[in-house]
Structure formats: structure tokens, C-alpha cells
Amino acid sequence: MRIGIDPEGRTAQGVTGFLSFVALNLLYIALCLPILTIPAATAALYEVTIRYSDDESGRPLKDFLPAFGRNWRSASLLGLALLLPVLLLAFSAVFWAGSPTVLGGIAMVVSILAGVHFFAAFLYAMALTAVYDNPVRATWKNALLLPTSEPVRTIGILLIPATLVCVTIIFPMFGVIIATVGFSVGAYASAFLFRSVFARHTPGA
């Protein structure tokens, strides 16, 4: 008896899609290793996953490197403008955490909230760069405004990476999942939220 596997079948397509996301995850991690390339790699990851979330259009793995090169300049400038404040505010939060005064506690909370806002703005900036061909200044402005204008969806966008980090800290073995599909699947989940946000703020969408 001959057993054949239909390459167009749902099971075969599911396995192919899963392996594609594994390869995409590994490629993303590799391109993030120089650290300075994190913004461009993140924008490219969002571009291919947002496109794939729209009726599975595009080829996430094959389209990733072209998207990386295309988004390099804008994503890098936006990353510098938004991630540097995150680092400074994180340092400020740690500094004020050591203060026993009420003023120190207030300053710590303000630093944390501001840092979270700028990190959310960074994620929005990378997604905006992935979807729209706007000037860097306009993207930066929109990215800073979106977290406050879309608080519920912003919480969802932030919960995805926060959950991955927290689960990995509690269960270190979960790091294997992060290394294989964590970033790519997380970006894919975020893609639906980004598309919902952009549709609400795009005239005629």
C-alpha cells in the first residue's frame, strides 16, 4: 500500500508554516545580535507578520531580508529617538527606587510609566515604519500619540513581550520556545492589534 502526502493539504501547509516561523525567528535573533540592528530587524519582522496576518499574504521568510534593508534607515533613527529615553528612564527608575522618600517613590513611578510609554511608542514606530512610507518625523509623532489614544490595544501589544519575558524568568526552560518561535509568533499576534489600531486611524480604511 502506498501512502502519499499531499503538499497542498492542511497538515503539510501547517508544518511548512510552522517551520517558516521557526526560521524567521532564528533569522530575527541573528540580525538583532549586533544590537544596533534591533530596530530595523523589528520593523522587518512586523512588516512580514502584519502582511501575513492579512489572509496569509506574502512570504514571511523570503520577504524578511528585503524588508530589513528597506526599513534600515528609518527604523534605526526612530529606534535611537525612542529607545534611548527608555534606557534613561529605566536608569532613573532604578536610581529613585533606592530613595526612601515619598518624592523618590513618586519619581520612580513616573519614570516607570514614562519608560513604558516610550517603549510602546517604539513598538508602534516599528509597525508604522513597516506599513507606511511616511517621513521619520511624522512616524515619530504618531508613535508617541498612539499609546494614549489606543490604551486598550496598547496594553495588549505590551502584554505580549512582557508575558514572554515573565514566563521565561519564572520557567527558564521556556527560553527554548523564545529561541525557536517566541519572537515571530509574538509579532504575528501583535500584527492583528496593529492592524486594528491603524484601521481606526486611517481615513477610508
N, C-alpha and C. Protein backbone atom coordinates (compact mmCIF):
# COMPACT_ATOMS: atom_id res chain seq x y z
N MET A 1 0.85 -1.19 0.00
CA MET A 1 0.00 0.00 0.00
C MET A 1 0.88 1.24 0.00
N ARG A 2 0.58 2.16 -0.88
CA ARG A 2 1.36 3.40 -0.97
C ARG A 2 0.66 4.50 -0.19
N ILE A 3 1.47 5.22 0.58
CA ILE A 3 0.94 6.34 1.37
C ILE A 3 1.53 7.62 0.80
N GLY A 4 0.68 8.50 0.38
CA GLY A 4 1.17 9.77 -0.17
C GLY A 4 0.76 10.93 0.71
N ILE A 5 1.60 11.95 0.74
CA ILE A 5 1.32 13.16 1.50
C ILE A 5 1.08 14.29 0.52
N ASP A 6 -0.07 14.88 0.59
CA ASP A 6 -0.44 15.97 -0.30
C ASP A 6 0.24 17.25 0.16
N PRO A 7 1.17 17.81 -0.64
CA PRO A 7 1.86 19.03 -0.23
C PRO A 7 0.93 20.23 -0.12
N GLU A 8 -0.27 20.10 -0.72
CA GLU A 8 -1.24 21.19 -0.64
C GLU A 8 -2.23 20.99 0.49
N GLY A 9 -2.10 19.87 1.22
CA GLY A 9 -3.01 19.58 2.31
C GLY A 9 -2.81 20.51 3.49
N ARG A 10 -3.81 20.58 4.36
CA ARG A 10 -3.75 21.48 5.50
C ARG A 10 -2.63 21.12 6.47
N THR A 11 -2.41 19.80 6.67
CA THR A 11 -1.35 19.38 7.59
C THR A 11 0.02 19.78 7.07
N ALA A 12 0.26 19.51 5.79
CA ALA A 12 1.55 19.86 5.19
C ALA A 12 1.77 21.36 5.20
N GLN A 13 0.73 22.13 4.90
CA GLN A 13 0.85 23.58 4.90
C GLN A 13 1.09 24.10 6.31
N GLY A 14 0.46 23.45 7.29
CA GLY A 14 0.66 23.85 8.68
C GLY A 14 2.09 23.63 9.14
N VAL A 15 2.64 22.46 8.78
CA VAL A 15 4.03 22.15 9.13
C VAL A 15 4.98 23.12 8.44
N THR A 16 4.72 23.40 7.16
CA THR A 16 5.57 24.32 6.41
C THR A 16 5.52 25.72 7.03
N GLY A 17 4.31 26.15 7.40
CA GLY A 17 4.17 27.46 8.02
C GLY A 17 4.89 27.54 9.35
N PHE A 18 4.80 26.48 10.15
CA PHE A 18 5.47 26.46 11.45
C PHE A 18 6.99 26.53 11.27
N LEU A 19 7.53 25.74 10.35
CA LEU A 19 8.98 25.75 10.11
C LEU A 19 9.43 27.09 9.57
N SER A 20 8.57 27.74 8.79
CA SER A 20 8.89 29.07 8.27
C SER A 20 9.01 30.07 9.41
N PHE A 21 8.13 29.95 10.40
CA PHE A 21 8.17 30.86 11.54
C PHE A 21 9.38 30.57 12.43
N VAL A 22 9.77 29.30 12.52
CA VAL A 22 10.99 28.96 13.27
C VAL A 22 12.21 29.59 12.61
N ALA A 23 12.32 29.44 11.29
CA ALA A 23 13.45 30.02 10.55
C ALA A 23 13.43 31.55 10.65
N LEU A 24 12.23 32.13 10.57
CA LEU A 24 12.09 33.58 10.70
C LEU A 24 12.54 34.05 12.07
N ASN A 25 12.20 33.30 13.10
CA ASN A 25 12.60 33.63 14.47
C ASN A 25 14.12 33.60 14.63
N LEU A 26 14.74 32.57 14.09
CA LEU A 26 16.20 32.44 14.19
C LEU A 26 16.90 33.54 13.42
N LEU A 27 16.36 33.90 12.24
CA LEU A 27 16.94 34.97 11.44
C LEU A 27 16.81 36.31 12.16
N TYR A 28 15.68 36.52 12.79
CA TYR A 28 15.47 37.77 13.54
C TYR A 28 16.48 37.88 14.68
N ILE A 29 16.66 36.80 15.43
CA ILE A 29 17.61 36.81 16.54
C ILE A 29 19.02 37.09 16.03
N ALA A 30 19.39 36.46 14.93
CA ALA A 30 20.73 36.65 14.37
C ALA A 30 20.97 38.11 13.98
N LEU A 31 19.95 38.74 13.40
CA LEU A 31 20.11 40.13 12.97
C LEU A 31 20.03 41.10 14.15
N CYS A 32 19.51 40.65 15.29
CA CYS A 32 19.46 41.50 16.47
C CYS A 32 20.75 41.48 17.28
N LEU A 33 21.61 40.51 17.02
CA LEU A 33 22.82 40.34 17.82
C LEU A 33 23.74 41.56 17.81
N PRO A 34 23.88 42.27 16.68
CA PRO A 34 24.72 43.49 16.74
C PRO A 34 24.12 44.60 17.58
N ILE A 35 22.93 44.42 18.12
CA ILE A 35 22.19 45.36 18.99
C ILE A 35 21.72 46.59 18.22
N LEU A 36 22.62 47.25 17.49
CA LEU A 36 22.23 48.44 16.74
C LEU A 36 21.22 48.12 15.65
N THR A 37 21.13 46.86 15.26
CA THR A 37 20.21 46.47 14.19
C THR A 37 18.84 46.02 14.72
N ILE A 38 18.65 46.10 16.04
CA ILE A 38 17.37 45.66 16.62
C ILE A 38 16.18 46.42 16.02
N PRO A 39 16.24 47.76 15.90
CA PRO A 39 15.08 48.46 15.33
C PRO A 39 14.75 48.01 13.90
N ALA A 40 15.75 47.92 13.04
CA ALA A 40 15.50 47.52 11.65
C ALA A 40 14.98 46.09 11.57
N ALA A 41 15.54 45.20 12.39
CA ALA A 41 15.08 43.81 12.40
C ALA A 41 13.64 43.72 12.91
N THR A 42 13.30 44.53 13.91
CA THR A 42 11.95 44.51 14.46
C THR A 42 10.95 45.06 13.45
N ALA A 43 11.31 46.14 12.77
CA ALA A 43 10.43 46.70 11.73
C ALA A 43 10.20 45.68 10.62
N ALA A 44 11.26 44.99 10.22
CA ALA A 44 11.14 43.97 9.18
C ALA A 44 10.25 42.82 9.64
N LEU A 45 10.41 42.42 10.90
CA LEU A 45 9.59 41.33 11.44
C LEU A 45 8.11 41.73 11.46
N TYR A 46 7.85 42.96 11.86
CA TYR A 46 6.47 43.45 11.86
C TYR A 46 5.92 43.53 10.44
N GLU A 47 6.75 43.96 9.50
CA GLU A 47 6.26 44.10 8.12
C GLU A 47 5.78 42.75 7.57
N VAL A 48 6.59 41.71 7.74
CA VAL A 48 6.22 40.43 7.15
C VAL A 48 5.09 39.76 7.92
N THR A 49 5.03 39.96 9.24
CA THR A 49 3.95 39.32 10.01
C THR A 49 2.63 40.06 9.85
N ILE A 50 2.67 41.39 9.75
CA ILE A 50 1.44 42.15 9.51
C ILE A 50 0.87 41.79 8.15
N ARG A 51 1.75 41.67 7.15
CA ARG A 51 1.28 41.29 5.82
C ARG A 51 0.72 39.87 5.83
N TYR A 52 1.37 38.97 6.57
CA TYR A 52 0.92 37.57 6.61
C TYR A 52 -0.39 37.44 7.38
N SER A 53 -0.61 38.32 8.35
CA SER A 53 -1.85 38.25 9.13
C SER A 53 -3.06 38.66 8.30
N ASP A 54 -2.82 39.30 7.16
CA ASP A 54 -3.90 39.71 6.27
C ASP A 54 -4.11 38.63 5.22
N ASP A 55 -4.89 37.59 5.59
CA ASP A 55 -5.19 36.47 4.70
C ASP A 55 -3.95 35.72 4.23
N GLU A 56 -2.94 35.65 5.09
CA GLU A 56 -1.71 34.90 4.82
C GLU A 56 -1.06 35.34 3.51
N SER A 57 -1.06 36.65 3.25
CA SER A 57 -0.41 37.16 2.04
C SER A 57 1.08 37.38 2.32
N GLY A 58 1.88 37.28 1.25
CA GLY A 58 3.33 37.45 1.40
C GLY A 58 4.04 36.18 1.81
N ARG A 59 5.35 36.26 1.84
CA ARG A 59 6.19 35.13 2.23
C ARG A 59 7.10 35.61 3.37
N PRO A 60 6.71 35.38 4.62
CA PRO A 60 7.44 35.95 5.76
C PRO A 60 8.95 35.75 5.72
N LEU A 61 9.39 34.54 5.46
CA LEU A 61 10.82 34.26 5.50
C LEU A 61 11.55 34.91 4.33
N LYS A 62 11.02 34.76 3.12
CA LYS A 62 11.69 35.30 1.93
C LYS A 62 11.63 36.82 1.88
N ASP A 63 10.59 37.40 2.47
CA ASP A 63 10.42 38.85 2.42
C ASP A 63 11.15 39.58 3.54
N PHE A 64 11.69 38.84 4.50
CA PHE A 64 12.27 39.46 5.69
C PHE A 64 13.51 40.30 5.37
N LEU A 65 14.48 39.73 4.68
CA LEU A 65 15.71 40.47 4.40
C LEU A 65 15.49 41.70 3.53
N PRO A 66 14.66 41.62 2.46
CA PRO A 66 14.35 42.85 1.71
C PRO A 66 13.70 43.92 2.59
N ALA A 67 12.82 43.50 3.50
CA ALA A 67 12.18 44.45 4.41
C ALA A 67 13.21 45.05 5.37
N PHE A 68 14.15 44.25 5.80
CA PHE A 68 15.22 44.73 6.69
C PHE A 68 16.01 45.84 6.01
N GLY A 69 16.41 45.62 4.78
CA GLY A 69 17.17 46.63 4.06
C GLY A 69 16.34 47.87 3.78
N ARG A 70 15.08 47.69 3.48
CA ARG A 70 14.20 48.81 3.14
C ARG A 70 13.92 49.69 4.36
N ASN A 71 13.82 49.08 5.53
CA ASN A 71 13.45 49.83 6.74
C ASN A 71 14.65 50.28 7.56
N TRP A 72 15.84 49.95 7.12
CA TRP A 72 17.04 50.16 7.92
C TRP A 72 17.18 51.59 8.43
N ARG A 73 17.17 52.57 7.52
CA ARG A 73 17.44 53.96 7.91
C ARG A 73 16.37 54.50 8.85
N SER A 74 15.11 54.42 8.43
CA SER A 74 14.03 54.99 9.24
C SER A 74 13.92 54.30 10.60
N ALA A 75 13.99 52.97 10.61
CA ALA A 75 13.87 52.23 11.86
C ALA A 75 15.01 52.55 12.81
N SER A 76 16.21 52.70 12.28
CA SER A 76 17.37 53.00 13.12
C SER A 76 17.25 54.36 13.77
N LEU A 77 16.83 55.37 13.01
CA LEU A 77 16.66 56.71 13.56
C LEU A 77 15.56 56.74 14.62
N LEU A 78 14.46 56.08 14.33
CA LEU A 78 13.35 56.03 15.29
C LEU A 78 13.74 55.23 16.53
N GLY A 79 14.47 54.16 16.33
CA GLY A 79 14.93 53.37 17.47
C GLY A 79 15.81 54.17 18.40
N LEU A 80 16.71 54.97 17.82
CA LEU A 80 17.59 55.82 18.64
C LEU A 80 16.77 56.85 19.40
N ALA A 81 15.78 57.45 18.73
CA ALA A 81 14.99 58.51 19.35
C ALA A 81 14.05 58.00 20.44
N LEU A 82 13.67 56.73 20.37
CA LEU A 82 12.68 56.21 21.31
C LEU A 82 13.26 55.23 22.34
N LEU A 83 14.28 54.49 21.96
CA LEU A 83 14.86 53.53 22.91
C LEU A 83 15.84 54.19 23.88
N LEU A 84 16.50 55.26 23.44
CA LEU A 84 17.41 55.96 24.35
C LEU A 84 16.65 56.53 25.56
N PRO A 85 15.49 57.18 25.36
CA PRO A 85 14.72 57.60 26.53
C PRO A 85 14.29 56.44 27.42
N VAL A 86 13.99 55.28 26.82
CA VAL A 86 13.62 54.11 27.62
C VAL A 86 14.77 53.73 28.56
N LEU A 87 15.97 53.71 28.04
CA LEU A 87 17.13 53.36 28.85
C LEU A 87 17.38 54.39 29.95
N LEU A 88 17.26 55.68 29.60
CA LEU A 88 17.48 56.73 30.59
C LEU A 88 16.41 56.69 31.69
N LEU A 89 15.18 56.44 31.30
CA LEU A 89 14.10 56.36 32.28
C LEU A 89 14.23 55.11 33.16
N ALA A 90 14.71 54.02 32.58
CA ALA A 90 14.95 52.81 33.37
C ALA A 90 16.03 53.07 34.42
N PHE A 91 17.08 53.76 34.01
CA PHE A 91 18.14 54.13 34.97
C PHE A 91 17.58 55.04 36.05
N SER A 92 16.73 55.99 35.65
CA SER A 92 16.12 56.89 36.62
C SER A 92 15.24 56.13 37.61
N ALA A 93 14.48 55.15 37.12
CA ALA A 93 13.62 54.36 38.00
C ALA A 93 14.44 53.59 39.02
N VAL A 94 15.54 52.99 38.57
CA VAL A 94 16.41 52.23 39.48
C VAL A 94 17.03 53.18 40.51
N PHE A 95 17.43 54.37 40.05
CA PHE A 95 18.05 55.35 40.96
C PHE A 95 17.07 55.77 42.05
N TRP A 96 15.85 56.13 41.65
CA TRP A 96 14.87 56.60 42.62
C TRP A 96 14.32 55.47 43.47
N ALA A 97 14.43 54.23 43.03
CA ALA A 97 13.97 53.09 43.83
C ALA A 97 14.75 52.98 45.13
N GLY A 98 15.97 53.50 45.13
CA GLY A 98 16.79 53.45 46.34
C GLY A 98 16.53 54.60 47.29
N SER A 99 15.60 55.48 46.93
CA SER A 99 15.30 56.62 47.79
C SER A 99 14.15 56.28 48.73
N PRO A 100 14.31 56.50 50.03
CA PRO A 100 13.24 56.16 50.98
C PRO A 100 12.16 57.24 51.08
N THR A 101 12.30 58.35 50.36
CA THR A 101 11.36 59.46 50.49
C THR A 101 10.14 59.25 49.59
N VAL A 102 9.06 59.97 49.94
CA VAL A 102 7.84 59.92 49.13
C VAL A 102 8.11 60.49 47.74
N LEU A 103 8.89 61.57 47.70
CA LEU A 103 9.24 62.18 46.41
C LEU A 103 10.00 61.20 45.53
N GLY A 104 10.88 60.42 46.16
CA GLY A 104 11.63 59.42 45.41
C GLY A 104 10.71 58.35 44.85
N GLY A 105 9.72 57.94 45.65
CA GLY A 105 8.76 56.94 45.18
C GLY A 105 7.93 57.45 44.02
N ILE A 106 7.51 58.71 44.11
CA ILE A 106 6.74 59.30 43.01
C ILE A 106 7.58 59.39 41.75
N ALA A 107 8.84 59.81 41.91
CA ALA A 107 9.74 59.93 40.76
C ALA A 107 9.97 58.56 40.11
N MET A 108 10.05 57.51 40.94
CA MET A 108 10.24 56.17 40.40
C MET A 108 9.04 55.73 39.57
N VAL A 109 7.83 55.96 40.10
CA VAL A 109 6.62 55.58 39.37
C VAL A 109 6.50 56.35 38.07
N VAL A 110 6.78 57.65 38.12
CA VAL A 110 6.71 58.47 36.91
C VAL A 110 7.72 57.98 35.87
N SER A 111 8.91 57.63 36.32
CA SER A 111 9.95 57.13 35.40
C SER A 111 9.52 55.82 34.75
N ILE A 112 8.92 54.94 35.55
CA ILE A 112 8.46 53.65 35.01
C ILE A 112 7.37 53.86 33.98
N LEU A 113 6.36 54.68 34.30
CA LEU A 113 5.25 54.93 33.39
C LEU A 113 5.73 55.59 32.10
N ALA A 114 6.64 56.55 32.24
CA ALA A 114 7.17 57.23 31.05
C ALA A 114 7.99 56.25 30.20
N GLY A 115 8.76 55.38 30.87
CA GLY A 115 9.55 54.40 30.14
C GLY A 115 8.67 53.42 29.38
N VAL A 116 7.58 52.98 30.00
CA VAL A 116 6.64 52.08 29.33
C VAL A 116 6.00 52.78 28.13
N HIS A 117 5.67 54.06 28.30
CA HIS A 117 5.08 54.82 27.19
C HIS A 117 6.04 54.89 26.01
N PHE A 118 7.30 55.19 26.27
CA PHE A 118 8.27 55.29 25.18
C PHE A 118 8.54 53.93 24.54
N PHE A 119 8.50 52.86 25.34
CA PHE A 119 8.69 51.53 24.75
C PHE A 119 7.51 51.17 23.85
N ALA A 120 6.29 51.51 24.30
CA ALA A 120 5.12 51.28 23.46
C ALA A 120 5.22 52.11 22.18
N ALA A 121 5.70 53.34 22.31
CA ALA A 121 5.88 54.20 21.14
C ALA A 121 6.90 53.60 20.18
N PHE A 122 7.94 52.96 20.72
CA PHE A 122 8.94 52.30 19.87
C PHE A 122 8.30 51.18 19.07
N LEU A 123 7.47 50.36 19.72
CA LEU A 123 6.82 49.27 19.01
C LEU A 123 5.89 49.81 17.93
N TYR A 124 5.15 50.86 18.26
CA TYR A 124 4.28 51.48 17.25
C TYR A 124 5.11 52.05 16.09
N ALA A 125 6.22 52.67 16.42
CA ALA A 125 7.07 53.26 15.37
C ALA A 125 7.58 52.20 14.42
N MET A 126 7.96 51.04 14.94
CA MET A 126 8.44 49.97 14.07
C MET A 126 7.32 49.45 13.18
N ALA A 127 6.11 49.32 13.75
CA ALA A 127 4.97 48.85 12.96
C ALA A 127 4.56 49.88 11.92
N LEU A 128 4.59 51.16 12.30
CA LEU A 128 4.26 52.23 11.34
C LEU A 128 5.26 52.27 10.20
N THR A 129 6.53 52.08 10.53
CA THR A 129 7.57 52.04 9.50
C THR A 129 7.34 50.86 8.56
N ALA A 130 6.87 49.76 9.13
CA ALA A 130 6.63 48.55 8.33
C ALA A 130 5.47 48.73 7.36
N VAL A 131 4.47 49.51 7.76
CA VAL A 131 3.23 49.60 6.97
C VAL A 131 3.17 50.83 6.08
N TYR A 132 3.67 51.97 6.59
CA TYR A 132 3.52 53.23 5.88
C TYR A 132 4.87 53.80 5.44
N ASP A 133 4.86 54.52 4.35
CA ASP A 133 6.07 55.17 3.85
C ASP A 133 5.99 56.66 4.19
N ASN A 134 6.08 56.97 5.47
CA ASN A 134 5.98 58.35 5.95
C ASN A 134 7.35 58.87 6.37
N PRO A 135 7.51 60.20 6.42
CA PRO A 135 8.76 60.77 6.93
C PRO A 135 9.00 60.34 8.38
N VAL A 136 10.26 60.30 8.77
CA VAL A 136 10.62 59.85 10.12
C VAL A 136 9.95 60.71 11.18
N ARG A 137 9.93 62.01 10.97
CA ARG A 137 9.35 62.92 11.97
C ARG A 137 7.86 62.63 12.18
N ALA A 138 7.13 62.41 11.08
CA ALA A 138 5.70 62.11 11.18
C ALA A 138 5.46 60.78 11.90
N THR A 139 6.28 59.78 11.58
CA THR A 139 6.15 58.48 12.24
C THR A 139 6.44 58.59 13.72
N TRP A 140 7.45 59.35 14.07
CA TRP A 140 7.82 59.57 15.48
C TRP A 140 6.67 60.22 16.23
N LYS A 141 6.07 61.24 15.64
CA LYS A 141 4.95 61.94 16.28
C LYS A 141 3.75 61.01 16.47
N ASN A 142 3.40 60.26 15.43
CA ASN A 142 2.26 59.34 15.52
C ASN A 142 2.51 58.25 16.55
N ALA A 143 3.75 57.76 16.59
CA ALA A 143 4.10 56.69 17.54
C ALA A 143 3.96 57.15 18.97
N LEU A 144 4.27 58.41 19.24
CA LEU A 144 4.15 58.94 20.60
C LEU A 144 2.70 59.17 20.99
N LEU A 145 1.84 59.45 20.01
CA LEU A 145 0.44 59.73 20.29
C LEU A 145 -0.41 58.47 20.44
N LEU A 146 -0.07 57.42 19.69
CA LEU A 146 -0.92 56.23 19.66
C LEU A 146 -1.08 55.52 21.01
N PRO A 147 -0.06 55.41 21.86
CA PRO A 147 -0.26 54.70 23.13
C PRO A 147 -1.36 55.31 23.99
N THR A 148 -1.51 56.63 23.98
CA THR A 148 -2.55 57.26 24.80
C THR A 148 -3.90 57.27 24.09
N SER A 149 -3.89 57.29 22.76
CA SER A 149 -5.17 57.30 22.04
C SER A 149 -5.75 55.90 21.89
N GLU A 150 -4.93 54.86 22.07
CA GLU A 150 -5.39 53.47 21.98
C GLU A 150 -4.90 52.69 23.20
N PRO A 151 -5.36 53.06 24.40
CA PRO A 151 -4.82 52.43 25.61
C PRO A 151 -5.08 50.93 25.72
N VAL A 152 -6.28 50.48 25.35
CA VAL A 152 -6.61 49.06 25.50
C VAL A 152 -5.75 48.20 24.58
N ARG A 153 -5.68 48.58 23.31
CA ARG A 153 -4.88 47.81 22.36
C ARG A 153 -3.39 47.93 22.66
N THR A 154 -2.98 49.07 23.20
CA THR A 154 -1.58 49.24 23.59
C THR A 154 -1.21 48.29 24.71
N ILE A 155 -2.12 48.12 25.67
CA ILE A 155 -1.87 47.17 26.76
C ILE A 155 -1.69 45.77 26.18
N GLY A 156 -2.53 45.41 25.20
CA GLY A 156 -2.39 44.09 24.56
C GLY A 156 -1.06 43.95 23.86
N ILE A 157 -0.63 44.99 23.16
CA ILE A 157 0.65 44.96 22.44
C ILE A 157 1.81 44.81 23.42
N LEU A 158 1.71 45.48 24.56
CA LEU A 158 2.78 45.40 25.56
C LEU A 158 2.77 44.09 26.32
N LEU A 159 1.58 43.52 26.52
CA LEU A 159 1.47 42.28 27.28
C LEU A 159 2.15 41.11 26.59
N ILE A 160 2.20 41.14 25.25
CA ILE A 160 2.80 40.01 24.52
C ILE A 160 4.28 39.86 24.86
N PRO A 161 5.13 40.90 24.67
CA PRO A 161 6.54 40.72 25.06
C PRO A 161 6.72 40.60 26.56
N ALA A 162 5.88 41.32 27.36
CA ALA A 162 6.01 41.24 28.81
C ALA A 162 5.73 39.83 29.31
N THR A 163 4.73 39.18 28.73
CA THR A 163 4.40 37.81 29.13
C THR A 163 5.53 36.85 28.79
N LEU A 164 6.10 37.02 27.59
CA LEU A 164 7.21 36.15 27.19
C LEU A 164 8.39 36.29 28.15
N VAL A 165 8.69 37.53 28.55
CA VAL A 165 9.82 37.77 29.45
C VAL A 165 9.53 37.18 30.83
N CYS A 166 8.33 37.45 31.36
CA CYS A 166 7.98 36.98 32.70
C CYS A 166 7.96 35.45 32.78
N VAL A 167 7.37 34.81 31.78
CA VAL A 167 7.30 33.35 31.78
C VAL A 167 8.71 32.75 31.70
N THR A 168 9.58 33.38 30.92
CA THR A 168 10.95 32.88 30.79
C THR A 168 11.71 33.02 32.10
N ILE A 169 11.46 34.12 32.83
CA ILE A 169 12.12 34.32 34.12
C ILE A 169 11.64 33.27 35.13
N ILE A 170 10.34 33.00 35.14
CA ILE A 170 9.78 32.02 36.09
C ILE A 170 10.15 30.59 35.68
N PHE A 171 10.06 30.33 34.38
CA PHE A 171 10.38 28.98 33.86
C PHE A 171 11.50 29.12 32.83
N PRO A 172 12.77 29.07 33.24
CA PRO A 172 13.89 29.28 32.32
C PRO A 172 13.86 28.37 31.09
N MET A 173 13.30 27.18 31.21
CA MET A 173 13.24 26.28 30.06
C MET A 173 12.38 26.84 28.94
N PHE A 174 11.51 27.79 29.28
CA PHE A 174 10.67 28.40 28.26
C PHE A 174 11.51 29.21 27.27
N GLY A 175 12.77 29.48 27.67
CA GLY A 175 13.68 30.19 26.77
C GLY A 175 13.88 29.46 25.45
N VAL A 176 13.71 28.14 25.48
CA VAL A 176 13.82 27.35 24.25
C VAL A 176 12.71 27.75 23.27
N ILE A 177 11.51 27.98 23.79
CA ILE A 177 10.39 28.42 22.95
C ILE A 177 10.67 29.80 22.38
N ILE A 178 11.21 30.69 23.22
CA ILE A 178 11.55 32.04 22.75
C ILE A 178 12.55 31.97 21.61
N ALA A 179 13.53 31.08 21.76
CA ALA A 179 14.59 30.98 20.76
C ALA A 179 14.12 30.36 19.46
N THR A 180 13.02 29.61 19.51
CA THR A 180 12.55 28.94 18.29
C THR A 180 11.41 29.68 17.60
N VAL A 181 10.38 30.06 18.36
CA VAL A 181 9.23 30.73 17.72
C VAL A 181 8.70 31.92 18.51
N GLY A 182 9.29 32.24 19.64
CA GLY A 182 8.74 33.27 20.52
C GLY A 182 8.57 34.62 19.86
N PHE A 183 9.62 35.11 19.20
CA PHE A 183 9.57 36.44 18.60
C PHE A 183 8.65 36.49 17.38
N SER A 184 8.78 35.50 16.53
CA SER A 184 7.98 35.51 15.29
C SER A 184 6.50 35.34 15.57
N VAL A 185 6.14 34.40 16.46
CA VAL A 185 4.74 34.19 16.80
C VAL A 185 4.20 35.38 17.60
N GLY A 186 5.04 35.95 18.48
CA GLY A 186 4.62 37.13 19.23
C GLY A 186 4.34 38.31 18.30
N ALA A 187 5.19 38.49 17.29
CA ALA A 187 4.97 39.56 16.31
C ALA A 187 3.71 39.30 15.50
N TYR A 188 3.46 38.04 15.19
CA TYR A 188 2.26 37.68 14.43
C TYR A 188 1.00 37.98 15.24
N ALA A 189 1.04 37.69 16.53
CA ALA A 189 -0.10 38.01 17.40
C ALA A 189 -0.29 39.52 17.50
N SER A 190 0.81 40.25 17.61
CA SER A 190 0.74 41.71 17.68
C SER A 190 0.21 42.31 16.39
N ALA A 191 0.44 41.63 15.27
CA ALA A 191 0.05 42.15 13.96
C ALA A 191 -1.45 42.44 13.89
N PHE A 192 -2.26 41.59 14.50
CA PHE A 192 -3.71 41.80 14.47
C PHE A 192 -4.10 43.05 15.25
N LEU A 193 -3.40 43.30 16.35
CA LEU A 193 -3.66 44.51 17.14
C LEU A 193 -3.22 45.75 16.38
N PHE A 194 -2.05 45.69 15.75
CA PHE A 194 -1.57 46.84 14.98
C PHE A 194 -2.52 47.15 13.82
N ARG A 195 -2.97 46.13 13.14
CA ARG A 195 -3.88 46.35 12.02
C ARG A 195 -5.18 46.98 12.50
N SER A 196 -5.66 46.57 13.66
CA SER A 196 -6.88 47.14 14.21
C SER A 196 -6.69 48.62 14.56
N VAL A 197 -5.55 48.94 15.16
CA VAL A 197 -5.25 50.33 15.50
C VAL A 197 -5.14 51.19 14.25
N PHE A 198 -4.39 50.72 13.28
CA PHE A 198 -4.17 51.52 12.07
C PHE A 198 -5.46 51.71 11.28
N ALA A 199 -6.32 50.68 11.28
CA ALA A 199 -7.58 50.79 10.56
C ALA A 199 -8.46 51.88 11.18
N ARG A 200 -8.39 52.02 12.52
CA ARG A 200 -9.19 53.02 13.20
C ARG A 200 -8.70 54.44 12.95
N HIS A 201 -7.45 54.58 12.55
CA HIS A 201 -6.87 55.92 12.37
C HIS A 201 -6.51 56.21 10.92
N THR A 202 -6.92 55.36 10.01
CA THR A 202 -6.66 55.58 8.60
C THR A 202 -7.96 55.97 7.90
N PRO A 203 -8.05 57.19 7.37
CA PRO A 203 -9.28 57.62 6.71
C PRO A 203 -9.65 56.70 5.55
N GLY A 204 -10.91 56.27 5.51
CA GLY A 204 -11.39 55.43 4.42
C GLY A 204 -11.02 53.99 4.55
N ALA A 205 -10.37 53.60 5.68
CA ALA A 205 -9.97 52.19 5.85
C ALA A 205 -11.17 51.33 6.19
